[in-house]
Amino acid sequence: FIRPADDSPNGPDGVNSPAITAWIDELRRKAPKTSDKVMWASA
């Protein structure tokens, strides 16, 4: 996610801002179908 230059962190929409909402929607759509799509760690 790259924040648009005109997207203020103090804007009234907060996390309802279109930019971050669109990125989150894309993440849900692209949720990994297999385990090996993610670099995991375990401690």
PDB file of all heavy atoms in Angstrom:
ATOM      1  N   PHE A   1       0.857  -1.183   0.000  1.00  0.00           N
ATOM      2  CA  PHE A   1       0.000   0.000   0.000  1.00  0.00           C
ATOM      3  C   PHE A   1       0.896   1.237   0.000  1.00  0.00           C
ATOM      4  O   PHE A   1       1.791   1.359   0.837  1.00  0.00           O
ATOM      5  CB  PHE A   1      -0.897   0.015   1.243  1.00  0.00           C
ATOM      6  CG  PHE A   1      -1.638   1.311   1.429  1.00  0.00           C
ATOM      7  CD1 PHE A   1      -2.758   1.599   0.679  1.00  0.00           C
ATOM      8  CD2 PHE A   1      -1.193   2.263   2.353  1.00  0.00           C
ATOM      9  CE1 PHE A   1      -3.447   2.797   0.838  1.00  0.00           C
ATOM     10  CE2 PHE A   1      -1.864   3.455   2.527  1.00  0.00           C
ATOM     11  CZ  PHE A   1      -3.002   3.723   1.772  1.00  0.00           C
ATOM     12  N   ILE A   2       0.650   2.128  -0.937  1.00  0.00           N
ATOM     13  CA  ILE A   2       1.372   3.400  -1.000  1.00  0.00           C
ATOM     14  C   ILE A   2       0.350   4.519  -0.807  1.00  0.00           C
ATOM     15  O   ILE A   2      -0.578   4.667  -1.625  1.00  0.00           O
ATOM     16  CB  ILE A   2       2.103   3.584  -2.343  1.00  0.00           C
ATOM     17  CG1 ILE A   2       2.997   2.370  -2.634  1.00  0.00           C
ATOM     18  CG2 ILE A   2       2.909   4.884  -2.326  1.00  0.00           C
ATOM     19  CD1 ILE A   2       4.103   2.139  -1.636  1.00  0.00           C
ATOM     20  N   ARG A   3       0.504   5.271   0.222  1.00  0.00           N
ATOM     21  CA  ARG A   3      -0.494   6.281   0.565  1.00  0.00           C
ATOM     22  C   ARG A   3      -0.466   7.426  -0.456  1.00  0.00           C
ATOM     23  O   ARG A   3       0.597   7.980  -0.740  1.00  0.00           O
ATOM     24  CB  ARG A   3      -0.192   6.836   1.961  1.00  0.00           C
ATOM     25  CG  ARG A   3      -1.315   7.663   2.538  1.00  0.00           C
ATOM     26  CD  ARG A   3      -0.984   8.131   3.953  1.00  0.00           C
ATOM     27  NE  ARG A   3      -2.199   8.377   4.702  1.00  0.00           N
ATOM     28  CZ  ARG A   3      -2.509   7.796   5.847  1.00  0.00           C
ATOM     29  NH1 ARG A   3      -1.668   6.929   6.393  1.00  0.00           N
ATOM     30  NH2 ARG A   3      -3.639   8.069   6.453  1.00  0.00           N
ATOM     31  N   PRO A   4      -1.609   7.786  -1.014  1.00  0.00           N
ATOM     32  CA  PRO A   4      -1.647   8.930  -1.929  1.00  0.00           C
ATOM     33  C   PRO A   4      -1.204  10.214  -1.226  1.00  0.00           C
ATOM     34  O   PRO A   4      -1.402  10.378  -0.015  1.00  0.00           O
ATOM     35  CB  PRO A   4      -3.122   9.012  -2.347  1.00  0.00           C
ATOM     36  CG  PRO A   4      -3.679   7.651  -2.070  1.00  0.00           C
ATOM     37  CD  PRO A   4      -2.931   7.141  -0.889  1.00  0.00           C
ATOM     38  N   ALA A   5      -0.598  11.100  -1.978  1.00  0.00           N
ATOM     39  CA  ALA A   5      -0.061  12.334  -1.392  1.00  0.00           C
ATOM     40  C   ALA A   5      -1.143  13.168  -0.726  1.00  0.00           C
ATOM     41  O   ALA A   5      -0.878  13.885   0.250  1.00  0.00           O
ATOM     42  CB  ALA A   5       0.649  13.144  -2.475  1.00  0.00           C
ATOM     43  N   ASP A   6      -2.372  13.109  -1.230  1.00  0.00           N
ATOM     44  CA  ASP A   6      -3.450  13.942  -0.687  1.00  0.00           C
ATOM     45  C   ASP A   6      -4.289  13.223   0.366  1.00  0.00           C
ATOM     46  O   ASP A   6      -5.353  13.701   0.759  1.00  0.00           O
ATOM     47  CB  ASP A   6      -4.357  14.429  -1.814  1.00  0.00           C
ATOM     48  CG  ASP A   6      -4.998  13.278  -2.587  1.00  0.00           C
ATOM     49  OD1 ASP A   6      -4.611  12.113  -2.346  1.00  0.00           O
ATOM     50  OD2 ASP A   6      -5.883  13.548  -3.432  1.00  0.00           O
ATOM     51  N   ASP A   7      -3.817  12.045   0.813  1.00  0.00           N
ATOM     52  CA  ASP A   7      -4.568  11.240   1.781  1.00  0.00           C
ATOM     53  C   ASP A   7      -4.016  11.509   3.177  1.00  0.00           C
ATOM     54  O   ASP A   7      -3.002  10.940   3.583  1.00  0.00           O
ATOM     55  CB  ASP A   7      -4.444   9.757   1.427  1.00  0.00           C
ATOM     56  CG  ASP A   7      -5.404   8.883   2.232  1.00  0.00           C
ATOM     57  OD1 ASP A   7      -6.132   9.425   3.071  1.00  0.00           O
ATOM     58  OD2 ASP A   7      -5.400   7.658   2.018  1.00  0.00           O
ATOM     59  N   SER A   8      -4.683  12.368   3.930  1.00  0.00           N
ATOM     60  CA  SER A   8      -4.196  12.775   5.248  1.00  0.00           C
ATOM     61  C   SER A   8      -4.531  11.728   6.303  1.00  0.00           C
ATOM     62  O   SER A   8      -5.651  11.205   6.330  1.00  0.00           O
ATOM     63  CB  SER A   8      -4.819  14.112   5.659  1.00  0.00           C
ATOM     64  OG  SER A   8      -4.554  14.389   7.022  1.00  0.00           O
ATOM     65  N   PRO A   9      -3.567  11.430   7.205  1.00  0.00           N
ATOM     66  CA  PRO A   9      -3.872  10.493   8.295  1.00  0.00           C
ATOM     67  C   PRO A   9      -4.899  11.042   9.274  1.00  0.00           C
ATOM     68  O   PRO A   9      -5.486  10.284  10.048  1.00  0.00           O
ATOM     69  CB  PRO A   9      -2.509  10.301   8.976  1.00  0.00           C
ATOM     70  CG  PRO A   9      -1.716  11.496   8.601  1.00  0.00           C
ATOM     71  CD  PRO A   9      -2.174  11.887   7.240  1.00  0.00           C
ATOM     72  N   ASN A  10      -5.121  12.339   9.231  1.00  0.00           N
ATOM     73  CA  ASN A  10      -6.101  12.965  10.131  1.00  0.00           C
ATOM     74  C   ASN A  10      -7.426  13.247   9.443  1.00  0.00           C
ATOM     75  O   ASN A  10      -8.258  13.997   9.953  1.00  0.00           O
ATOM     76  CB  ASN A  10      -5.523  14.266  10.698  1.00  0.00           C
ATOM     77  CG  ASN A  10      -4.263  14.029  11.510  1.00  0.00           C
ATOM     78  OD1 ASN A  10      -4.219  13.112  12.322  1.00  0.00           O
ATOM     79  ND2 ASN A  10      -3.242  14.846  11.278  1.00  0.00           N
ATOM     80  N   GLY A  11      -7.633  12.667   8.267  1.00  0.00           N
ATOM     81  CA  GLY A  11      -8.882  12.885   7.555  1.00  0.00           C
ATOM     82  C   GLY A  11     -10.072  12.319   8.313  1.00  0.00           C
ATOM     83  O   GLY A  11      -9.925  11.377   9.103  1.00  0.00           O
ATOM     84  N   PRO A  12     -11.250  12.840   8.091  1.00  0.00           N
ATOM     85  CA  PRO A  12     -12.428  12.423   8.863  1.00  0.00           C
ATOM     86  C   PRO A  12     -12.843  10.978   8.617  1.00  0.00           C
ATOM     87  O   PRO A  12     -13.492  10.365   9.472  1.00  0.00           O
ATOM     88  CB  PRO A  12     -13.514  13.398   8.389  1.00  0.00           C
ATOM     89  CG  PRO A  12     -13.063  13.847   7.031  1.00  0.00           C
ATOM     90  CD  PRO A  12     -11.569  13.893   7.107  1.00  0.00           C
ATOM     91  N   ASP A  13     -12.473  10.402   7.458  1.00  0.00           N
ATOM     92  CA  ASP A  13     -12.896   9.033   7.152  1.00  0.00           C
ATOM     93  C   ASP A  13     -12.088   7.979   7.899  1.00  0.00           C
ATOM     94  O   ASP A  13     -12.545   6.842   8.067  1.00  0.00           O
ATOM     95  CB  ASP A  13     -12.787   8.773   5.650  1.00  0.00           C
ATOM     96  CG  ASP A  13     -13.804   9.574   4.850  1.00  0.00           C
ATOM     97  OD1 ASP A  13     -14.829   9.968   5.443  1.00  0.00           O
ATOM     98  OD2 ASP A  13     -13.559   9.814   3.659  1.00  0.00           O
ATOM     99  N   GLY A  14     -10.883   8.330   8.348  1.00  0.00           N
ATOM    100  CA  GLY A  14     -10.044   7.342   9.025  1.00  0.00           C
ATOM    101  C   GLY A  14      -9.801   6.140   8.141  1.00  0.00           C
ATOM    102  O   GLY A  14      -9.462   6.275   6.958  1.00  0.00           O
ATOM    103  N   VAL A  15      -9.989   4.933   8.673  1.00  0.00           N
ATOM    104  CA  VAL A  15      -9.728   3.718   7.894  1.00  0.00           C
ATOM    105  C   VAL A  15     -10.836   3.436   6.884  1.00  0.00           C
ATOM    106  O   VAL A  15     -10.784   2.415   6.181  1.00  0.00           O
ATOM    107  CB  VAL A  15      -9.536   2.494   8.808  1.00  0.00           C
ATOM    108  CG1 VAL A  15      -8.268   2.620   9.627  1.00  0.00           C
ATOM    109  CG2 VAL A  15     -10.732   2.271   9.706  1.00  0.00           C
ATOM    110  N   ASN A  16     -11.825   4.307   6.800  1.00  0.00           N
ATOM    111  CA  ASN A  16     -12.830   4.202   5.737  1.00  0.00           C
ATOM    112  C   ASN A  16     -12.402   4.961   4.491  1.00  0.00           C
ATOM    113  O   ASN A  16     -13.157   5.045   3.525  1.00  0.00           O
ATOM    114  CB  ASN A  16     -14.176   4.726   6.226  1.00  0.00           C
ATOM    115  CG  ASN A  16     -14.726   3.903   7.370  1.00  0.00           C
ATOM    116  OD1 ASN A  16     -14.628   2.678   7.360  1.00  0.00           O
ATOM    117  ND2 ASN A  16     -15.289   4.572   8.372  1.00  0.00           N
ATOM    118  N   SER A  17     -11.191   5.517   4.511  1.00  0.00           N
ATOM    119  CA  SER A  17     -10.663   6.224   3.350  1.00  0.00           C
ATOM    120  C   SER A  17     -10.658   5.303   2.132  1.00  0.00           C
ATOM    121  O   SER A  17     -10.324   4.114   2.247  1.00  0.00           O
ATOM    122  CB  SER A  17      -9.238   6.702   3.637  1.00  0.00           C
ATOM    123  OG  SER A  17      -8.589   7.091   2.454  1.00  0.00           O
ATOM    124  N   PRO A  18     -11.026   5.810   0.964  1.00  0.00           N
ATOM    125  CA  PRO A  18     -11.095   4.956  -0.233  1.00  0.00           C
ATOM    126  C   PRO A  18      -9.789   4.247  -0.548  1.00  0.00           C
ATOM    127  O   PRO A  18      -9.799   3.102  -1.004  1.00  0.00           O
ATOM    128  CB  PRO A  18     -11.477   5.941  -1.344  1.00  0.00           C
ATOM    129  CG  PRO A  18     -12.187   7.052  -0.641  1.00  0.00           C
ATOM    130  CD  PRO A  18     -11.526   7.183   0.698  1.00  0.00           C
ATOM    131  N   ALA A  19      -8.648   4.902  -0.294  1.00  0.00           N
ATOM    132  CA  ALA A  19      -7.366   4.305  -0.676  1.00  0.00           C
ATOM    133  C   ALA A  19      -7.092   3.026   0.116  1.00  0.00           C
ATOM    134  O   ALA A  19      -6.798   1.969  -0.456  1.00  0.00           O
ATOM    135  CB  ALA A  19      -6.239   5.310  -0.471  1.00  0.00           C
ATOM    136  N   ILE A  20      -7.179   3.098   1.434  1.00  0.00           N
ATOM    137  CA  ILE A  20      -6.870   1.915   2.244  1.00  0.00           C
ATOM    138  C   ILE A  20      -7.983   0.872   2.122  1.00  0.00           C
ATOM    139  O   ILE A  20      -7.725  -0.335   2.134  1.00  0.00           O
ATOM    140  CB  ILE A  20      -6.621   2.300   3.727  1.00  0.00           C
ATOM    141  CG1 ILE A  20      -6.085   1.098   4.515  1.00  0.00           C
ATOM    142  CG2 ILE A  20      -7.891   2.824   4.372  1.00  0.00           C
ATOM    143  CD1 ILE A  20      -4.727   0.621   4.069  1.00  0.00           C
ATOM    144  N   THR A  21      -9.226   1.318   1.933  1.00  0.00           N
ATOM    145  CA  THR A  21     -10.336   0.377   1.756  1.00  0.00           C
ATOM    146  C   THR A  21     -10.147  -0.460   0.496  1.00  0.00           C
ATOM    147  O   THR A  21     -10.366  -1.675   0.501  1.00  0.00           O
ATOM    148  CB  THR A  21     -11.671   1.130   1.696  1.00  0.00           C
ATOM    149  OG1 THR A  21     -11.875   1.823   2.925  1.00  0.00           O
ATOM    150  CG2 THR A  21     -12.825   0.176   1.475  1.00  0.00           C
ATOM    151  N   ALA A  22      -9.706   0.208  -0.583  1.00  0.00           N
ATOM    152  CA  ALA A  22      -9.486  -0.517  -1.839  1.00  0.00           C
ATOM    153  C   ALA A  22      -8.358  -1.530  -1.687  1.00  0.00           C
ATOM    154  O   ALA A  22      -8.443  -2.655  -2.203  1.00  0.00           O
ATOM    155  CB  ALA A  22      -9.163   0.475  -2.954  1.00  0.00           C
ATOM    156  N   TRP A  23      -7.290  -1.148  -0.967  1.00  0.00           N
ATOM    157  CA  TRP A  23      -6.164  -2.077  -0.770  1.00  0.00           C
ATOM    158  C   TRP A  23      -6.603  -3.285   0.054  1.00  0.00           C
ATOM    159  O   TRP A  23      -6.256  -4.428  -0.254  1.00  0.00           O
ATOM    160  CB  TRP A  23      -5.018  -1.340  -0.086  1.00  0.00           C
ATOM    161  CG  TRP A  23      -3.759  -2.148   0.039  1.00  0.00           C
ATOM    162  CD1 TRP A  23      -2.790  -2.311  -0.902  1.00  0.00           C
ATOM    163  CD2 TRP A  23      -3.347  -2.917   1.176  1.00  0.00           C
ATOM    164  NE1 TRP A  23      -1.789  -3.133  -0.426  1.00  0.00           N
ATOM    165  CE2 TRP A  23      -2.100  -3.514   0.855  1.00  0.00           C
ATOM    166  CE3 TRP A  23      -3.894  -3.150   2.434  1.00  0.00           C
ATOM    167  CZ2 TRP A  23      -1.407  -4.326   1.747  1.00  0.00           C
ATOM    168  CZ3 TRP A  23      -3.207  -3.967   3.329  1.00  0.00           C
ATOM    169  CH2 TRP A  23      -1.979  -4.539   2.985  1.00  0.00           C
ATOM    170  N   ILE A  24      -7.407  -3.049   1.091  1.00  0.00           N
ATOM    171  CA  ILE A  24      -7.894  -4.148   1.930  1.00  0.00           C
ATOM    172  C   ILE A  24      -8.808  -5.071   1.132  1.00  0.00           C
ATOM    173  O   ILE A  24      -8.721  -6.304   1.241  1.00  0.00           O
ATOM    174  CB  ILE A  24      -8.615  -3.582   3.168  1.00  0.00           C
ATOM    175  CG1 ILE A  24      -7.593  -2.961   4.124  1.00  0.00           C
ATOM    176  CG2 ILE A  24      -9.425  -4.670   3.880  1.00  0.00           C
ATOM    177  CD1 ILE A  24      -8.213  -2.191   5.269  1.00  0.00           C
ATOM    178  N   ASP A  25      -9.662  -4.492   0.306  1.00  0.00           N
ATOM    179  CA  ASP A  25     -10.532  -5.317  -0.542  1.00  0.00           C
ATOM    180  C   ASP A  25      -9.703  -6.198  -1.477  1.00  0.00           C
ATOM    181  O   ASP A  25     -10.034  -7.374  -1.703  1.00  0.00           O
ATOM    182  CB  ASP A  25     -11.468  -4.428  -1.364  1.00  0.00           C
ATOM    183  CG  ASP A  25     -12.546  -3.770  -0.515  1.00  0.00           C
ATOM    184  OD1 ASP A  25     -12.758  -4.218   0.634  1.00  0.00           O
ATOM    185  OD2 ASP A  25     -13.168  -2.802  -0.992  1.00  0.00           O
ATOM    186  N   GLU A  26      -8.622  -5.610  -2.015  1.00  0.00           N
ATOM    187  CA  GLU A  26      -7.751  -6.384  -2.902  1.00  0.00           C
ATOM    188  C   GLU A  26      -7.068  -7.519  -2.137  1.00  0.00           C
ATOM    189  O   GLU A  26      -6.935  -8.637  -2.650  1.00  0.00           O
ATOM    190  CB  GLU A  26      -6.700  -5.473  -3.543  1.00  0.00           C
ATOM    191  CG  GLU A  26      -5.817  -6.192  -4.554  1.00  0.00           C
ATOM    192  CD  GLU A  26      -4.783  -5.283  -5.197  1.00  0.00           C
ATOM    193  OE1 GLU A  26      -4.654  -4.115  -4.777  1.00  0.00           O
ATOM    194  OE2 GLU A  26      -4.088  -5.753  -6.112  1.00  0.00           O
ATOM    195  N   LEU A  27      -6.649  -7.252  -0.897  1.00  0.00           N
ATOM    196  CA  LEU A  27      -6.019  -8.287  -0.082  1.00  0.00           C
ATOM    197  C   LEU A  27      -6.997  -9.431   0.177  1.00  0.00           C
ATOM    198  O   LEU A  27      -6.626 -10.611   0.120  1.00  0.00           O
ATOM    199  CB  LEU A  27      -5.524  -7.690   1.234  1.00  0.00           C
ATOM    200  CG  LEU A  27      -4.891  -8.662   2.245  1.00  0.00           C
ATOM    201  CD1 LEU A  27      -3.736  -9.420   1.625  1.00  0.00           C
ATOM    202  CD2 LEU A  27      -4.441  -7.916   3.495  1.00  0.00           C
ATOM    203  N   ARG A  28      -8.242  -9.111   0.459  1.00  0.00           N
ATOM    204  CA  ARG A  28      -9.232 -10.178   0.672  1.00  0.00           C
ATOM    205  C   ARG A  28      -9.431 -10.994  -0.606  1.00  0.00           C
ATOM    206  O   ARG A  28      -9.536 -12.214  -0.564  1.00  0.00           O
ATOM    207  CB  ARG A  28     -10.554  -9.570   1.123  1.00  0.00           C
ATOM    208  CG  ARG A  28     -10.539  -8.998   2.537  1.00  0.00           C
ATOM    209  CD  ARG A  28     -11.955  -8.788   3.043  1.00  0.00           C
ATOM    210  NE  ARG A  28     -11.990  -8.095   4.314  1.00  0.00           N
ATOM    211  CZ  ARG A  28     -11.778  -8.676   5.502  1.00  0.00           C
ATOM    212  NH1 ARG A  28     -11.504  -9.972   5.542  1.00  0.00           N
ATOM    213  NH2 ARG A  28     -11.841  -7.970   6.607  1.00  0.00           N
ATOM    214  N   ARG A  29      -9.486 -10.311  -1.751  1.00  0.00           N
ATOM    215  CA  ARG A  29      -9.685 -11.028  -3.019  1.00  0.00           C
ATOM    216  C   ARG A  29      -8.486 -11.919  -3.343  1.00  0.00           C
ATOM    217  O   ARG A  29      -8.636 -13.006  -3.892  1.00  0.00           O
ATOM    218  CB  ARG A  29      -9.896 -10.037  -4.170  1.00  0.00           C
ATOM    219  CG  ARG A  29     -11.249  -9.364  -4.199  1.00  0.00           C
ATOM    220  CD  ARG A  29     -11.502  -8.717  -5.561  1.00  0.00           C
ATOM    221  NE  ARG A  29     -10.414  -7.819  -5.962  1.00  0.00           N
ATOM    222  CZ  ARG A  29     -10.349  -6.534  -5.638  1.00  0.00           C
ATOM    223  NH1 ARG A  29     -11.311  -5.983  -4.901  1.00  0.00           N
ATOM    224  NH2 ARG A  29      -9.340  -5.789  -6.051  1.00  0.00           N
ATOM    225  N   LYS A  30      -7.296 -11.430  -3.011  1.00  0.00           N
ATOM    226  CA  LYS A  30      -6.075 -12.146  -3.357  1.00  0.00           C
ATOM    227  C   LYS A  30      -5.589 -13.076  -2.247  1.00  0.00           C
ATOM    228  O   LYS A  30      -4.452 -13.541  -2.293  1.00  0.00           O
ATOM    229  CB  LYS A  30      -4.957 -11.150  -3.688  1.00  0.00           C
ATOM    230  CG  LYS A  30      -5.113 -10.450  -5.026  1.00  0.00           C
ATOM    231  CD  LYS A  30      -3.873  -9.628  -5.317  1.00  0.00           C
ATOM    232  CE  LYS A  30      -3.911  -9.066  -6.734  1.00  0.00           C
ATOM    233  NZ  LYS A  30      -2.690  -8.288  -7.039  1.00  0.00           N
ATOM    234  N   ALA A  31      -6.417 -13.319  -1.268  1.00  0.00           N
ATOM    235  CA  ALA A  31      -5.992 -14.179  -0.162  1.00  0.00           C
ATOM    236  C   ALA A  31      -5.330 -15.439  -0.717  1.00  0.00           C
ATOM    237  O   ALA A  31      -5.849 -16.055  -1.652  1.00  0.00           O
ATOM    238  CB  ALA A  31      -7.188 -14.553   0.698  1.00  0.00           C
ATOM    239  N   PRO A  32      -4.171 -15.822  -0.178  1.00  0.00           N
ATOM    240  CA  PRO A  32      -3.398 -16.924  -0.778  1.00  0.00           C
ATOM    241  C   PRO A  32      -4.160 -18.233  -0.816  1.00  0.00           C
ATOM    242  O   PRO A  32      -4.752 -18.655   0.177  1.00  0.00           O
ATOM    243  CB  PRO A  32      -2.163 -17.023   0.130  1.00  0.00           C
ATOM    244  CG  PRO A  32      -2.557 -16.348   1.399  1.00  0.00           C
ATOM    245  CD  PRO A  32      -3.533 -15.287   1.032  1.00  0.00           C
ATOM    246  N   LYS A  33      -4.142 -18.855  -1.978  1.00  0.00           N
ATOM    247  CA  LYS A  33      -4.840 -20.127  -2.167  1.00  0.00           C
ATOM    248  C   LYS A  33      -4.006 -21.317  -1.695  1.00  0.00           C
ATOM    249  O   LYS A  33      -4.521 -22.411  -1.501  1.00  0.00           O
ATOM    250  CB  LYS A  33      -5.196 -20.320  -3.645  1.00  0.00           C
ATOM    251  CG  LYS A  33      -6.090 -19.219  -4.210  1.00  0.00           C
ATOM    252  CD  LYS A  33      -7.433 -19.178  -3.514  1.00  0.00           C
ATOM    253  CE  LYS A  33      -8.392 -18.216  -4.195  1.00  0.00           C
ATOM    254  NZ  LYS A  33      -7.966 -16.798  -4.085  1.00  0.00           N
ATOM    255  N   THR A  34      -2.703 -21.097  -1.532  1.00  0.00           N
ATOM    256  CA  THR A  34      -1.821 -22.142  -1.021  1.00  0.00           C
ATOM    257  C   THR A  34      -0.883 -21.535   0.017  1.00  0.00           C
ATOM    258  O   THR A  34      -0.620 -20.334   0.008  1.00  0.00           O
ATOM    259  CB  THR A  34      -0.990 -22.785  -2.148  1.00  0.00           C
ATOM    260  OG1 THR A  34      -0.219 -21.769  -2.803  1.00  0.00           O
ATOM    261  CG2 THR A  34      -1.882 -23.473  -3.167  1.00  0.00           C
ATOM    262  N   SER A  35      -0.366 -22.396   0.876  1.00  0.00           N
ATOM    263  CA  SER A  35       0.504 -21.940   1.958  1.00  0.00           C
ATOM    264  C   SER A  35       1.800 -21.339   1.436  1.00  0.00           C
ATOM    265  O   SER A  35       2.348 -20.408   2.032  1.00  0.00           O
ATOM    266  CB  SER A  35       0.816 -23.123   2.885  1.00  0.00           C
ATOM    267  OG  SER A  35       1.741 -22.787   3.873  1.00  0.00           O
ATOM    268  N   ASP A  36       2.311 -21.850   0.303  1.00  0.00           N
ATOM    269  CA  ASP A  36       3.638 -21.431  -0.135  1.00  0.00           C
ATOM    270  C   ASP A  36       3.655 -20.074  -0.830  1.00  0.00           C
ATOM    271  O   ASP A  36       4.687 -19.646  -1.343  1.00  0.00           O
ATOM    272  CB  ASP A  36       4.271 -22.497  -1.040  1.00  0.00           C
ATOM    273  CG  ASP A  36       3.508 -22.716  -2.346  1.00  0.00           C
ATOM    274  OD1 ASP A  36       2.518 -22.016  -2.601  1.00  0.00           O
ATOM    275  OD2 ASP A  36       3.922 -23.618  -3.108  1.00  0.00           O
ATOM    276  N   LYS A  37       2.537 -19.369  -0.841  1.00  0.00           N
ATOM    277  CA  LYS A  37       2.500 -18.016  -1.387  1.00  0.00           C
ATOM    278  C   LYS A  37       2.977 -16.970  -0.380  1.00  0.00           C
ATOM    279  O   LYS A  37       3.161 -15.808  -0.725  1.00  0.00           O
ATOM    280  CB  LYS A  37       1.072 -17.659  -1.839  1.00  0.00           C
ATOM    281  CG  LYS A  37       0.604 -18.398  -3.077  1.00  0.00           C
ATOM    282  CD  LYS A  37       1.334 -17.918  -4.314  1.00  0.00           C
ATOM    283  CE  LYS A  37       0.773 -18.519  -5.581  1.00  0.00           C
ATOM    284  NZ  LYS A  37       1.455 -18.009  -6.782  1.00  0.00           N
ATOM    285  N   VAL A  38       3.133 -17.378   0.879  1.00  0.00           N
ATOM    286  CA  VAL A  38       3.495 -16.444   1.945  1.00  0.00           C
ATOM    287  C   VAL A  38       4.849 -16.852   2.507  1.00  0.00           C
ATOM    288  O   VAL A  38       5.157 -18.046   2.598  1.00  0.00           O
ATOM    289  CB  VAL A  38       2.438 -16.457   3.072  1.00  0.00           C
ATOM    290  CG1 VAL A  38       2.812 -15.494   4.196  1.00  0.00           C
ATOM    291  CG2 VAL A  38       1.059 -16.123   2.501  1.00  0.00           C
ATOM    292  N   MET A  39       5.679 -15.867   2.864  1.00  0.00           N
ATOM    293  CA  MET A  39       6.905 -16.178   3.606  1.00  0.00           C
ATOM    294  C   MET A  39       6.557 -16.151   5.080  1.00  0.00           C
ATOM    295  O   MET A  39       6.337 -15.105   5.673  1.00  0.00           O
ATOM    296  CB  MET A  39       7.986 -15.137   3.299  1.00  0.00           C
ATOM    297  CG  MET A  39       9.325 -15.428   3.954  1.00  0.00           C
ATOM    298  SD  MET A  39      10.101 -16.950   3.371  1.00  0.00           S
ATOM    299  CE  MET A  39      10.261 -17.878   4.889  1.00  0.00           C
ATOM    300  N   TRP A  40       6.461 -17.340   5.680  1.00  0.00           N
ATOM    301  CA  TRP A  40       6.076 -17.478   7.069  1.00  0.00           C
ATOM    302  C   TRP A  40       7.304 -17.575   7.965  1.00  0.00           C
ATOM    303  O   TRP A  40       8.402 -17.883   7.508  1.00  0.00           O
ATOM    304  CB  TRP A  40       5.242 -18.755   7.272  1.00  0.00           C
ATOM    305  CG  TRP A  40       4.019 -18.886   6.431  1.00  0.00           C
ATOM    306  CD1 TRP A  40       3.918 -19.492   5.215  1.00  0.00           C
ATOM    307  CD2 TRP A  40       2.702 -18.415   6.748  1.00  0.00           C
ATOM    308  NE1 TRP A  40       2.623 -19.437   4.749  1.00  0.00           N
ATOM    309  CE2 TRP A  40       1.852 -18.777   5.673  1.00  0.00           C
ATOM    310  CE3 TRP A  40       2.160 -17.733   7.836  1.00  0.00           C
ATOM    311  CZ2 TRP A  40       0.499 -18.483   5.647  1.00  0.00           C
ATOM    312  CZ3 TRP A  40       0.812 -17.435   7.819  1.00  0.00           C
ATOM    313  CH2 TRP A  40      -0.015 -17.800   6.744  1.00  0.00           C
ATOM    314  N   ALA A  41       7.075 -17.384   9.237  1.00  0.00           N
ATOM    315  CA  ALA A  41       8.104 -17.633  10.243  1.00  0.00           C
ATOM    316  C   ALA A  41       7.450 -18.309  11.437  1.00  0.00           C
ATOM    317  O   ALA A  41       6.251 -18.167  11.676  1.00  0.00           O
ATOM    318  CB  ALA A  41       8.777 -16.331  10.674  1.00  0.00           C
ATOM    319  N   SER A  42       8.261 -19.063  12.174  1.00  0.00           N
ATOM    320  CA  SER A  42       7.795 -19.681  13.416  1.00  0.00           C
ATOM    321  C   SER A  42       8.905 -19.629  14.441  1.00  0.00           C
ATOM    322  O   SER A  42      10.039 -20.042  14.166  1.00  0.00           O
ATOM    323  CB  SER A  42       7.384 -21.141  13.195  1.00  0.00           C
ATOM    324  OG  SER A  42       7.192 -21.799  14.449  1.00  0.00           O
ATOM    325  N   ALA A  43       8.579 -19.130  15.634  1.00  0.00           N
ATOM    326  CA  ALA A  43       9.515 -19.175  16.766  1.00  0.00           C
ATOM    327  C   ALA A  43       8.933 -19.982  17.915  1.00  0.00           C
ATOM    328  O   ALA A  43       9.546 -20.058  18.980  1.00  0.00           O
ATOM    329  CB  ALA A  43       9.851 -17.757  17.231  1.00  0.00           C
TER     330      ALA A  43
END
